[in-house]
Amino acid sequence: MEEGRKLQRITRSAKDPVKLRRAIVVMMSGQGQSVPDITSLMQVSDDYVRDVIHAFNEKGFDALDPKWNG
């Protein structure tokens, strides 16, 4: 339950659109939304949704942060 509250805080305060989108995907998944439903609502690919969920399961909240290559 604590994860859900933390995700809600992130979705309200995130200034980075990548972090916000990832947090919403994880939150929707945690609420029982299917991958096809999430892809339809978020306008992203199935692979993106699965990658975000798998990364979150492996790395936790660190997986929400974008990694800058530059």
Protein backbone atom coordinates (compact mmCIF):
# COMPACT_ATOMS: atom_id res chain seq x y z
CA MET A 1 0.00 0.00 0.00
CA GLU A 2 2.90 2.35 0.71
CA GLU A 3 4.10 1.93 -2.88
CA GLY A 4 0.72 3.11 -4.13
CA ARG A 5 0.85 6.25 -2.00
CA LYS A 6 4.38 7.02 -3.13
CA LEU A 7 3.36 6.55 -6.78
CA GLN A 8 0.42 8.92 -6.26
CA ARG A 9 2.76 11.54 -4.79
CA ILE A 10 5.07 11.18 -7.79
CA THR A 11 2.21 11.57 -10.27
CA ARG A 12 1.15 14.79 -8.53
CA SER A 13 4.60 16.34 -8.22
CA ALA A 14 6.79 14.96 -11.04
CA LYS A 15 8.11 17.69 -13.30
CA ASP A 16 9.77 15.29 -15.71
CA PRO A 17 7.27 13.90 -18.25
CA VAL A 18 9.16 10.59 -18.57
CA LYS A 19 9.06 9.97 -14.83
CA LEU A 20 5.39 10.96 -14.73
CA ARG A 21 4.46 8.61 -17.58
CA ARG A 22 6.37 5.71 -16.03
CA ALA A 23 4.77 6.29 -12.63
CA ILE A 24 1.29 6.33 -14.16
CA VAL A 25 1.98 3.08 -16.05
CA VAL A 26 3.16 1.35 -12.86
CA MET A 27 0.25 2.73 -10.85
CA MET A 28 -2.29 1.58 -13.44
CA SER A 29 -0.73 -1.88 -13.50
CA GLY A 30 -0.88 -2.03 -9.72
CA GLN A 31 -4.56 -1.17 -9.89
CA GLY A 32 -5.17 -4.21 -12.08
CA GLN A 33 -5.30 -2.55 -15.50
CA SER A 34 -4.26 -4.84 -18.34
CA VAL A 35 -1.35 -4.03 -20.65
CA PRO A 36 -3.70 -3.41 -23.62
CA ASP A 37 -5.81 -1.04 -21.50
CA ILE A 38 -2.72 0.87 -20.35
CA THR A 39 -1.34 1.13 -23.89
CA SER A 40 -4.66 2.44 -25.15
CA LEU A 41 -5.06 5.04 -22.41
CA MET A 42 -1.42 6.17 -22.37
CA GLN A 43 -0.85 5.98 -26.14
CA VAL A 44 2.35 3.93 -25.77
CA SER A 45 3.41 0.51 -27.06
CA ASP A 46 2.90 -2.84 -25.35
CA ASP A 47 6.68 -3.21 -25.17
CA TYR A 48 7.04 0.14 -23.40
CA VAL A 49 4.47 -0.82 -20.76
CA ARG A 50 6.05 -4.23 -20.18
CA ASP A 51 9.56 -2.74 -20.03
CA VAL A 52 8.49 -0.13 -17.46
CA ILE A 53 6.73 -2.72 -15.29
CA HIS A 54 9.64 -5.19 -15.43
CA ALA A 55 12.16 -2.44 -14.65
CA PHE A 56 10.07 -1.28 -11.69
CA ASN A 57 9.81 -4.83 -10.37
CA GLU A 58 13.61 -5.21 -10.61
CA LYS A 59 14.85 -1.76 -9.55
CA GLY A 60 11.95 -0.22 -7.66
CA PHE A 61 11.45 3.53 -7.76
CA ASP A 62 14.88 4.09 -9.36
CA ALA A 63 13.40 2.65 -12.56
CA LEU A 64 11.12 5.68 -12.87
CA ASP A 65 13.98 8.13 -13.30
CA PRO A 66 15.09 8.85 -16.87
CA LYS A 67 18.69 8.04 -17.67
CA TRP A 68 20.35 10.80 -19.63
CA ASN A 69 22.84 9.72 -22.30
CA GLY A 70 24.94 12.73 -22.96
